[in-house]
Amino acid sequence: MTSLTPFAKFLTAIIFALSLAACGDHSNHNMKTGAQITAGDLTISSSWARAVDAPAKTSAVYMEIRNDGATSDTLLSVRSGAAEVSEIHQSLEQDGVAMMRRIRQLEIPAGGDVSLEPGSYHVMLINVNGDIAPDTVVPVTLTFENAGDVVVEAVARRANGGHQGH
């Protein structure tokens, strides 16, 4: 049996590593999210924005907000340079009809969490400024009653099913 030279061993290791990388699970390659942010008692995580192509005029931003404090906090407003108007919205179904409505504020209960997700609460971006391409970072400023202004950098990705359920 012939032994491998150091170069052959190195080359074999490189080929093996590249093969493993190529066979990895790519099912989440569009699942990038923004970094986790802590502001006061709040932790904001898993932020992402819906990628859209012109001439689409709306998009949405989603995230998880956790409040580890002893008192509730309230999301008072949102703003983003990615759109002319940014609002807090809630998707719901009423009498069998899907609808969406603007809400003035969103309470984050003490010791609790709120999910901004498709079909529920979300940040609505209206009159977006051009395309929001996948992997684009969409900065959104959240203004909380107690935690103050918090900038979230949501990473854009395509959502399954188009725009249903903002």
N, C-alpha and C. Protein backbone atom coordinates (compact mmCIF):
# COMPACT_ATOMS: atom_id res chain seq x y z
N MET A 1 0.84 -1.17 0.00
CA MET A 1 0.00 0.00 0.00
C MET A 1 0.89 1.23 0.00
N THR A 2 0.59 2.20 -0.82
CA THR A 2 1.37 3.41 -0.95
C THR A 2 0.81 4.48 -0.02
N SER A 3 1.71 5.20 0.69
CA SER A 3 1.23 6.28 1.55
C SER A 3 1.14 7.57 0.73
N LEU A 4 0.27 8.46 1.17
CA LEU A 4 0.07 9.72 0.47
C LEU A 4 1.15 10.72 0.87
N THR A 5 1.55 11.53 -0.08
CA THR A 5 2.51 12.60 0.21
C THR A 5 1.80 13.68 1.00
N PRO A 6 2.54 14.54 1.70
CA PRO A 6 1.90 15.63 2.44
C PRO A 6 1.00 16.48 1.53
N PHE A 7 1.44 16.77 0.30
CA PHE A 7 0.62 17.57 -0.61
C PHE A 7 -0.67 16.83 -0.97
N ALA A 8 -0.59 15.54 -1.22
CA ALA A 8 -1.78 14.75 -1.56
C ALA A 8 -2.75 14.72 -0.38
N LYS A 9 -2.23 14.61 0.86
CA LYS A 9 -3.08 14.64 2.05
C LYS A 9 -3.79 16.00 2.16
N PHE A 10 -3.04 17.08 1.91
CA PHE A 10 -3.60 18.43 1.96
C PHE A 10 -4.71 18.58 0.92
N LEU A 11 -4.43 18.15 -0.30
CA LEU A 11 -5.39 18.24 -1.40
C LEU A 11 -6.64 17.41 -1.09
N THR A 12 -6.47 16.25 -0.53
CA THR A 12 -7.60 15.40 -0.17
C THR A 12 -8.46 16.09 0.90
N ALA A 13 -7.81 16.71 1.88
CA ALA A 13 -8.54 17.41 2.94
C ALA A 13 -9.35 18.58 2.36
N ILE A 14 -8.75 19.33 1.42
CA ILE A 14 -9.45 20.45 0.79
C ILE A 14 -10.66 19.95 0.00
N ILE A 15 -10.48 18.91 -0.78
CA ILE A 15 -11.58 18.36 -1.58
C ILE A 15 -12.70 17.86 -0.66
N PHE A 16 -12.33 17.21 0.43
CA PHE A 16 -13.32 16.73 1.38
C PHE A 16 -14.10 17.88 2.00
N ALA A 17 -13.40 18.95 2.41
CA ALA A 17 -14.07 20.11 3.02
C ALA A 17 -15.02 20.78 2.03
N LEU A 18 -14.57 20.94 0.79
CA LEU A 18 -15.42 21.55 -0.22
C LEU A 18 -16.63 20.68 -0.52
N SER A 19 -16.46 19.38 -0.51
CA SER A 19 -17.58 18.46 -0.75
C SER A 19 -18.61 18.57 0.36
N LEU A 20 -18.16 18.66 1.60
CA LEU A 20 -19.08 18.83 2.72
C LEU A 20 -19.86 20.13 2.61
N ALA A 21 -19.17 21.21 2.25
CA ALA A 21 -19.84 22.50 2.10
C ALA A 21 -20.88 22.45 1.00
N ALA A 22 -20.56 21.79 -0.10
CA ALA A 22 -21.49 21.70 -1.23
C ALA A 22 -22.71 20.86 -0.89
N CYS A 23 -22.58 19.92 0.03
CA CYS A 23 -23.69 19.04 0.38
C CYS A 23 -24.49 19.55 1.57
N GLY A 24 -24.11 20.70 2.08
CA GLY A 24 -24.78 21.23 3.26
C GLY A 24 -26.24 21.55 3.01
N ASP A 25 -26.98 21.83 4.07
CA ASP A 25 -28.39 22.16 3.99
C ASP A 25 -28.54 23.60 3.53
N HIS A 26 -29.04 23.78 2.32
CA HIS A 26 -29.23 25.12 1.77
C HIS A 26 -30.69 25.55 1.85
N SER A 27 -31.51 24.84 2.58
CA SER A 27 -32.94 25.17 2.63
C SER A 27 -33.18 26.52 3.27
N ASN A 28 -32.27 27.02 4.08
CA ASN A 28 -32.46 28.30 4.76
C ASN A 28 -31.63 29.41 4.15
N HIS A 29 -31.18 29.26 2.91
CA HIS A 29 -30.32 30.30 2.36
C HIS A 29 -31.04 31.63 2.20
N ASN A 30 -32.34 31.65 2.18
CA ASN A 30 -33.09 32.90 2.11
C ASN A 30 -33.65 33.29 3.47
N MET A 31 -33.15 32.72 4.53
CA MET A 31 -33.69 32.96 5.85
C MET A 31 -32.81 33.87 6.69
N LYS A 32 -32.04 34.73 6.06
CA LYS A 32 -31.20 35.65 6.82
C LYS A 32 -32.08 36.62 7.60
N THR A 33 -31.65 36.94 8.80
CA THR A 33 -32.37 37.91 9.61
C THR A 33 -31.37 38.88 10.21
N GLY A 34 -31.90 40.00 10.69
CA GLY A 34 -31.05 41.01 11.31
C GLY A 34 -30.51 40.53 12.64
N ALA A 35 -29.53 41.26 13.13
CA ALA A 35 -28.87 40.93 14.39
C ALA A 35 -29.82 41.14 15.58
N GLN A 36 -29.56 40.42 16.65
CA GLN A 36 -30.31 40.61 17.88
C GLN A 36 -29.86 41.91 18.52
N ILE A 37 -30.82 42.70 19.00
CA ILE A 37 -30.54 44.00 19.59
C ILE A 37 -31.19 44.06 20.96
N THR A 38 -30.47 44.60 21.94
CA THR A 38 -31.03 44.80 23.27
C THR A 38 -31.09 46.29 23.55
N ALA A 39 -32.24 46.75 24.01
CA ALA A 39 -32.44 48.16 24.38
C ALA A 39 -33.27 48.18 25.65
N GLY A 40 -32.64 48.57 26.75
CA GLY A 40 -33.34 48.52 28.03
C GLY A 40 -33.72 47.10 28.34
N ASP A 41 -35.00 46.87 28.64
CA ASP A 41 -35.49 45.53 28.95
C ASP A 41 -35.92 44.75 27.72
N LEU A 42 -35.83 45.38 26.54
CA LEU A 42 -36.31 44.76 25.31
C LEU A 42 -35.19 44.07 24.55
N THR A 43 -35.52 42.94 23.95
CA THR A 43 -34.64 42.25 23.01
C THR A 43 -35.40 42.09 21.71
N ILE A 44 -34.81 42.56 20.63
CA ILE A 44 -35.43 42.49 19.31
C ILE A 44 -34.58 41.55 18.47
N SER A 45 -35.23 40.55 17.87
CA SER A 45 -34.49 39.54 17.12
C SER A 45 -35.28 39.10 15.89
N SER A 46 -34.60 38.32 15.06
CA SER A 46 -35.21 37.69 13.87
C SER A 46 -35.89 38.68 12.93
N SER A 47 -35.33 39.88 12.82
CA SER A 47 -35.95 40.88 11.94
C SER A 47 -35.66 40.57 10.48
N TRP A 48 -36.68 40.76 9.65
CA TRP A 48 -36.52 40.60 8.21
C TRP A 48 -37.56 41.44 7.50
N ALA A 49 -37.25 41.81 6.26
CA ALA A 49 -38.15 42.61 5.44
C ALA A 49 -38.55 41.81 4.22
N ARG A 50 -39.74 42.07 3.73
CA ARG A 50 -40.22 41.41 2.52
C ARG A 50 -39.58 42.07 1.31
N ALA A 51 -38.83 41.29 0.54
CA ALA A 51 -38.22 41.80 -0.70
C ALA A 51 -39.32 42.04 -1.72
N VAL A 52 -39.25 43.17 -2.42
CA VAL A 52 -40.24 43.50 -3.46
C VAL A 52 -39.54 44.14 -4.65
N ASP A 53 -40.14 43.96 -5.81
CA ASP A 53 -39.65 44.57 -7.04
C ASP A 53 -40.57 45.71 -7.44
N ALA A 54 -39.99 46.77 -8.04
CA ALA A 54 -40.82 47.83 -8.60
C ALA A 54 -41.69 47.19 -9.67
N PRO A 55 -42.92 47.55 -9.84
CA PRO A 55 -43.57 48.75 -9.32
C PRO A 55 -44.31 48.54 -8.00
N ALA A 56 -44.01 47.48 -7.26
CA ALA A 56 -44.66 47.28 -5.96
C ALA A 56 -44.50 48.53 -5.10
N LYS A 57 -45.54 48.89 -4.40
CA LYS A 57 -45.52 50.10 -3.59
C LYS A 57 -45.47 49.83 -2.09
N THR A 58 -45.64 48.55 -1.70
CA THR A 58 -45.65 48.24 -0.28
C THR A 58 -44.72 47.07 0.03
N SER A 59 -44.26 47.06 1.25
CA SER A 59 -43.50 45.95 1.79
C SER A 59 -43.83 45.88 3.27
N ALA A 60 -43.23 44.94 3.97
CA ALA A 60 -43.46 44.80 5.40
C ALA A 60 -42.18 44.33 6.08
N VAL A 61 -42.09 44.63 7.37
CA VAL A 61 -40.94 44.22 8.18
C VAL A 61 -41.49 43.44 9.37
N TYR A 62 -40.78 42.36 9.70
CA TYR A 62 -41.21 41.44 10.76
C TYR A 62 -40.07 41.25 11.76
N MET A 63 -40.42 40.86 12.98
CA MET A 63 -39.41 40.64 14.02
C MET A 63 -40.07 40.06 15.27
N GLU A 64 -39.24 39.67 16.20
CA GLU A 64 -39.67 39.24 17.53
C GLU A 64 -39.23 40.31 18.53
N ILE A 65 -40.13 40.69 19.44
CA ILE A 65 -39.79 41.65 20.49
C ILE A 65 -40.09 41.00 21.83
N ARG A 66 -39.07 40.88 22.65
CA ARG A 66 -39.19 40.27 23.98
C ARG A 66 -38.96 41.33 25.04
N ASN A 67 -39.79 41.34 26.08
CA ASN A 67 -39.65 42.28 27.18
C ASN A 67 -39.34 41.49 28.45
N ASP A 68 -38.09 41.59 28.92
CA ASP A 68 -37.69 40.89 30.14
C ASP A 68 -37.88 41.74 31.39
N GLY A 69 -38.48 42.90 31.22
CA GLY A 69 -38.67 43.82 32.35
C GLY A 69 -39.90 43.51 33.18
N ALA A 70 -40.03 44.25 34.28
CA ALA A 70 -41.16 44.10 35.20
C ALA A 70 -42.33 44.99 34.81
N THR A 71 -42.12 45.90 33.85
CA THR A 71 -43.19 46.77 33.37
C THR A 71 -43.30 46.66 31.86
N SER A 72 -44.49 46.88 31.36
CA SER A 72 -44.70 46.81 29.92
C SER A 72 -44.03 48.01 29.23
N ASP A 73 -43.79 47.87 27.96
CA ASP A 73 -43.30 48.97 27.13
C ASP A 73 -44.24 49.04 25.93
N THR A 74 -44.25 50.16 25.26
CA THR A 74 -45.17 50.34 24.15
C THR A 74 -44.43 50.84 22.92
N LEU A 75 -44.64 50.16 21.80
CA LEU A 75 -44.12 50.63 20.52
C LEU A 75 -45.06 51.73 20.06
N LEU A 76 -44.51 52.97 19.99
CA LEU A 76 -45.33 54.14 19.69
C LEU A 76 -45.35 54.49 18.21
N SER A 77 -44.20 54.30 17.54
CA SER A 77 -44.14 54.65 16.12
C SER A 77 -42.98 53.93 15.46
N VAL A 78 -43.00 53.94 14.12
CA VAL A 78 -41.94 53.33 13.32
C VAL A 78 -41.63 54.28 12.17
N ARG A 79 -40.38 54.24 11.69
CA ARG A 79 -40.01 55.00 10.50
C ARG A 79 -38.86 54.31 9.80
N SER A 80 -38.82 54.50 8.47
CA SER A 80 -37.76 53.90 7.66
C SER A 80 -37.54 54.76 6.42
N GLY A 81 -36.29 54.93 6.07
CA GLY A 81 -35.94 55.64 4.84
C GLY A 81 -36.25 54.83 3.60
N ALA A 82 -36.64 53.58 3.75
CA ALA A 82 -36.95 52.71 2.61
C ALA A 82 -38.32 53.02 2.01
N ALA A 83 -39.13 53.84 2.70
CA ALA A 83 -40.48 54.13 2.22
C ALA A 83 -40.91 55.53 2.66
N GLU A 84 -41.87 56.07 1.93
CA GLU A 84 -42.39 57.39 2.30
C GLU A 84 -43.14 57.36 3.62
N VAL A 85 -43.85 56.26 3.87
CA VAL A 85 -44.67 56.13 5.07
C VAL A 85 -44.38 54.78 5.72
N SER A 86 -44.25 54.79 7.04
CA SER A 86 -44.08 53.55 7.81
C SER A 86 -45.12 53.55 8.93
N GLU A 87 -45.83 52.43 9.08
CA GLU A 87 -46.89 52.35 10.08
C GLU A 87 -46.86 50.98 10.76
N ILE A 88 -47.45 50.92 11.95
CA ILE A 88 -47.66 49.65 12.64
C ILE A 88 -49.02 49.13 12.17
N HIS A 89 -49.06 47.89 11.68
CA HIS A 89 -50.30 47.30 11.17
C HIS A 89 -50.59 45.98 11.85
N GLN A 90 -51.85 45.59 11.74
CA GLN A 90 -52.29 44.27 12.18
C GLN A 90 -53.14 43.65 11.09
N SER A 91 -52.80 42.43 10.69
CA SER A 91 -53.63 41.67 9.77
C SER A 91 -54.57 40.82 10.60
N LEU A 92 -55.82 40.74 10.16
CA LEU A 92 -56.79 39.93 10.89
C LEU A 92 -57.88 39.48 9.94
N GLU A 93 -58.70 38.57 10.43
CA GLU A 93 -59.83 38.09 9.65
C GLU A 93 -61.10 38.45 10.40
N GLN A 94 -62.03 39.10 9.69
CA GLN A 94 -63.27 39.51 10.31
C GLN A 94 -64.42 39.08 9.42
N ASP A 95 -65.33 38.30 9.96
CA ASP A 95 -66.47 37.77 9.20
C ASP A 95 -66.02 37.06 7.93
N GLY A 96 -64.92 36.31 8.03
CA GLY A 96 -64.42 35.54 6.91
C GLY A 96 -63.66 36.35 5.87
N VAL A 97 -63.42 37.62 6.16
CA VAL A 97 -62.72 38.49 5.22
C VAL A 97 -61.38 38.91 5.82
N ALA A 98 -60.30 38.64 5.07
CA ALA A 98 -58.98 39.07 5.53
C ALA A 98 -58.86 40.58 5.36
N MET A 99 -58.36 41.23 6.38
CA MET A 99 -58.19 42.68 6.32
C MET A 99 -56.95 43.10 7.09
N MET A 100 -56.56 44.33 6.89
CA MET A 100 -55.40 44.88 7.56
C MET A 100 -55.80 46.26 8.08
N ARG A 101 -55.29 46.60 9.27
CA ARG A 101 -55.61 47.92 9.81
C ARG A 101 -54.38 48.50 10.48
N ARG A 102 -54.31 49.80 10.44
CA ARG A 102 -53.23 50.52 11.14
C ARG A 102 -53.60 50.55 12.62
N ILE A 103 -52.58 50.34 13.46
CA ILE A 103 -52.81 50.49 14.89
C ILE A 103 -51.88 51.59 15.39
N ARG A 104 -52.32 52.34 16.35
CA ARG A 104 -51.58 53.51 16.84
C ARG A 104 -50.36 53.13 17.67
N GLN A 105 -50.46 52.03 18.41
CA GLN A 105 -49.36 51.59 19.26
C GLN A 105 -49.51 50.11 19.54
N LEU A 106 -48.42 49.51 20.02
CA LEU A 106 -48.43 48.07 20.27
C LEU A 106 -47.75 47.82 21.61
N GLU A 107 -48.50 47.27 22.55
CA GLU A 107 -47.95 47.00 23.88
C GLU A 107 -47.09 45.74 23.85
N ILE A 108 -45.93 45.83 24.49
CA ILE A 108 -45.05 44.68 24.71
C ILE A 108 -45.15 44.38 26.21
N PRO A 109 -45.89 43.35 26.60
CA PRO A 109 -46.17 43.11 28.02
C PRO A 109 -44.92 42.76 28.82
N ALA A 110 -44.93 43.12 30.10
CA ALA A 110 -43.84 42.77 31.00
C ALA A 110 -43.68 41.26 31.02
N GLY A 111 -42.44 40.81 30.86
CA GLY A 111 -42.17 39.37 30.88
C GLY A 111 -42.74 38.62 29.69
N GLY A 112 -43.14 39.34 28.66
CA GLY A 112 -43.77 38.69 27.52
C GLY A 112 -43.08 39.04 26.21
N ASP A 113 -43.66 38.57 25.13
CA ASP A 113 -43.11 38.87 23.82
C ASP A 113 -44.23 39.05 22.82
N VAL A 114 -43.89 39.75 21.73
CA VAL A 114 -44.83 39.99 20.64
C VAL A 114 -44.12 39.63 19.35
N SER A 115 -44.80 38.87 18.51
CA SER A 115 -44.24 38.49 17.21
C SER A 115 -44.85 39.37 16.14
N LEU A 116 -44.00 40.03 15.39
CA LEU A 116 -44.43 40.72 14.18
C LEU A 116 -44.13 39.75 13.07
N GLU A 117 -45.20 39.21 12.44
CA GLU A 117 -45.04 38.13 11.48
C GLU A 117 -46.14 38.22 10.43
N PRO A 118 -45.94 37.59 9.29
CA PRO A 118 -46.99 37.60 8.27
C PRO A 118 -48.32 37.10 8.85
N GLY A 119 -49.40 37.81 8.52
CA GLY A 119 -50.71 37.44 9.01
C GLY A 119 -51.03 37.96 10.39
N SER A 120 -50.18 38.82 10.93
CA SER A 120 -50.36 39.33 12.29
C SER A 120 -49.87 40.78 12.33
N TYR A 121 -49.25 41.16 13.43
CA TYR A 121 -48.66 42.50 13.53
C TYR A 121 -47.45 42.59 12.60
N HIS A 122 -47.20 43.79 12.07
CA HIS A 122 -46.03 44.02 11.23
C HIS A 122 -45.82 45.51 11.05
N VAL A 123 -44.62 45.86 10.57
CA VAL A 123 -44.34 47.24 10.17
C VAL A 123 -44.66 47.32 8.69
N MET A 124 -45.58 48.18 8.32
CA MET A 124 -45.98 48.35 6.93
C MET A 124 -45.18 49.48 6.31
N LEU A 125 -44.54 49.20 5.18
CA LEU A 125 -43.80 50.22 4.43
C LEU A 125 -44.64 50.57 3.21
N ILE A 126 -45.02 51.84 3.12
CA ILE A 126 -45.92 52.30 2.06
C ILE A 126 -45.17 53.27 1.15
N ASN A 127 -45.37 53.11 -0.16
CA ASN A 127 -44.65 53.88 -1.17
C ASN A 127 -43.14 53.68 -1.02
N VAL A 128 -42.74 52.42 -1.16
CA VAL A 128 -41.32 52.08 -1.03
C VAL A 128 -40.51 52.80 -2.11
N ASN A 129 -39.28 53.11 -1.76
CA ASN A 129 -38.38 53.84 -2.65
C ASN A 129 -37.65 52.88 -3.57
N GLY A 130 -38.34 52.35 -4.58
CA GLY A 130 -37.72 51.42 -5.53
C GLY A 130 -37.76 49.99 -5.02
N ASP A 131 -36.88 49.18 -5.61
CA ASP A 131 -36.80 47.77 -5.23
C ASP A 131 -36.26 47.61 -3.82
N ILE A 132 -36.71 46.56 -3.16
CA ILE A 132 -36.06 46.08 -1.94
C ILE A 132 -35.61 44.67 -2.30
N ALA A 133 -34.38 44.57 -2.76
CA ALA A 133 -33.84 43.31 -3.27
C ALA A 133 -33.49 42.37 -2.12
N PRO A 134 -33.53 41.06 -2.38
CA PRO A 134 -33.09 40.11 -1.35
C PRO A 134 -31.68 40.46 -0.87
N ASP A 135 -31.46 40.28 0.42
CA ASP A 135 -30.19 40.53 1.11
C ASP A 135 -29.91 42.01 1.34
N THR A 136 -30.82 42.90 0.91
CA THR A 136 -30.67 44.33 1.20
C THR A 136 -31.00 44.55 2.67
N VAL A 137 -30.24 45.41 3.33
CA VAL A 137 -30.53 45.75 4.72
C VAL A 137 -31.49 46.94 4.73
N VAL A 138 -32.61 46.77 5.42
CA VAL A 138 -33.64 47.80 5.53
C VAL A 138 -33.64 48.32 6.96
N PRO A 139 -33.08 49.53 7.19
CA PRO A 139 -33.09 50.08 8.55
C PRO A 139 -34.49 50.59 8.92
N VAL A 140 -34.92 50.25 10.11
CA VAL A 140 -36.21 50.69 10.63
C VAL A 140 -35.97 51.20 12.05
N THR A 141 -36.46 52.41 12.34
CA THR A 141 -36.36 52.95 13.69
C THR A 141 -37.68 52.71 14.41
N LEU A 142 -37.59 52.01 15.52
CA LEU A 142 -38.75 51.74 16.38
C LEU A 142 -38.68 52.70 17.56
N THR A 143 -39.76 53.39 17.86
CA THR A 143 -39.77 54.30 19.00
C THR A 143 -40.67 53.71 20.08
N PHE A 144 -40.04 53.38 21.21
CA PHE A 144 -40.75 52.80 22.36
C PHE A 144 -40.92 53.84 23.44
N GLU A 145 -41.97 53.70 24.22
CA GLU A 145 -42.25 54.62 25.32
C GLU A 145 -41.10 54.64 26.33
N ASN A 146 -40.58 53.47 26.71
CA ASN A 146 -39.53 53.39 27.72
C ASN A 146 -38.14 53.21 27.12
N ALA A 147 -37.99 52.34 26.17
CA ALA A 147 -36.67 52.02 25.61
C ALA A 147 -36.18 53.09 24.63
N GLY A 148 -37.07 53.99 24.19
CA GLY A 148 -36.68 55.05 23.27
C GLY A 148 -36.53 54.54 21.84
N ASP A 149 -35.68 55.23 21.07
CA ASP A 149 -35.47 54.86 19.66
C ASP A 149 -34.50 53.69 19.55
N VAL A 150 -34.90 52.70 18.77
CA VAL A 150 -34.08 51.51 18.53
C VAL A 150 -34.04 51.29 17.02
N VAL A 151 -32.83 51.25 16.45
CA VAL A 151 -32.69 51.01 15.02
C VAL A 151 -32.48 49.51 14.79
N VAL A 152 -33.36 48.95 13.97
CA VAL A 152 -33.31 47.54 13.60
C VAL A 152 -32.90 47.47 12.14
N GLU A 153 -31.97 46.59 11.82
CA GLU A 153 -31.55 46.39 10.44
C GLU A 153 -32.10 45.06 9.95
N ALA A 154 -33.23 45.14 9.25
CA ALA A 154 -33.90 43.94 8.76
C ALA A 154 -33.31 43.56 7.40
N VAL A 155 -33.02 42.29 7.22
CA VAL A 155 -32.47 41.79 5.97
C VAL A 155 -33.63 41.34 5.08
N ALA A 156 -33.67 41.86 3.85
CA ALA A 156 -34.77 41.54 2.94
C ALA A 156 -34.64 40.13 2.39
N ARG A 157 -35.78 39.48 2.27
CA ARG A 157 -35.84 38.15 1.65
C ARG A 157 -37.20 37.97 1.00
N ARG A 158 -37.26 37.05 0.08
CA ARG A 158 -38.54 36.72 -0.58
C ARG A 158 -39.39 35.95 0.40
N ALA A 159 -40.65 36.29 0.45
CA ALA A 159 -41.59 35.55 1.29
C ALA A 159 -42.38 34.61 0.41
N ASN A 160 -42.66 33.44 0.90
CA ASN A 160 -43.47 32.48 0.14
C ASN A 160 -44.89 33.00 0.04
N GLY A 161 -45.48 32.87 -1.13
CA GLY A 161 -46.88 33.22 -1.28
C GLY A 161 -47.15 34.66 -1.63
N GLY A 162 -46.19 35.41 -2.11
CA GLY A 162 -46.44 36.78 -2.53
C GLY A 162 -46.71 37.70 -1.37
N HIS A 163 -47.70 38.58 -1.51
CA HIS A 163 -47.96 39.60 -0.49
C HIS A 163 -49.12 39.25 0.44
N GLN A 164 -49.67 38.06 0.32
CA GLN A 164 -50.80 37.72 1.16
C GLN A 164 -50.38 37.78 2.63
N GLY A 165 -51.29 38.28 3.44
CA GLY A 165 -51.09 38.26 4.88
C GLY A 165 -50.07 39.21 5.41
N HIS A 166 -49.76 40.29 4.68
CA HIS A 166 -48.76 41.26 5.16
C HIS A 166 -48.59 41.04 6.61
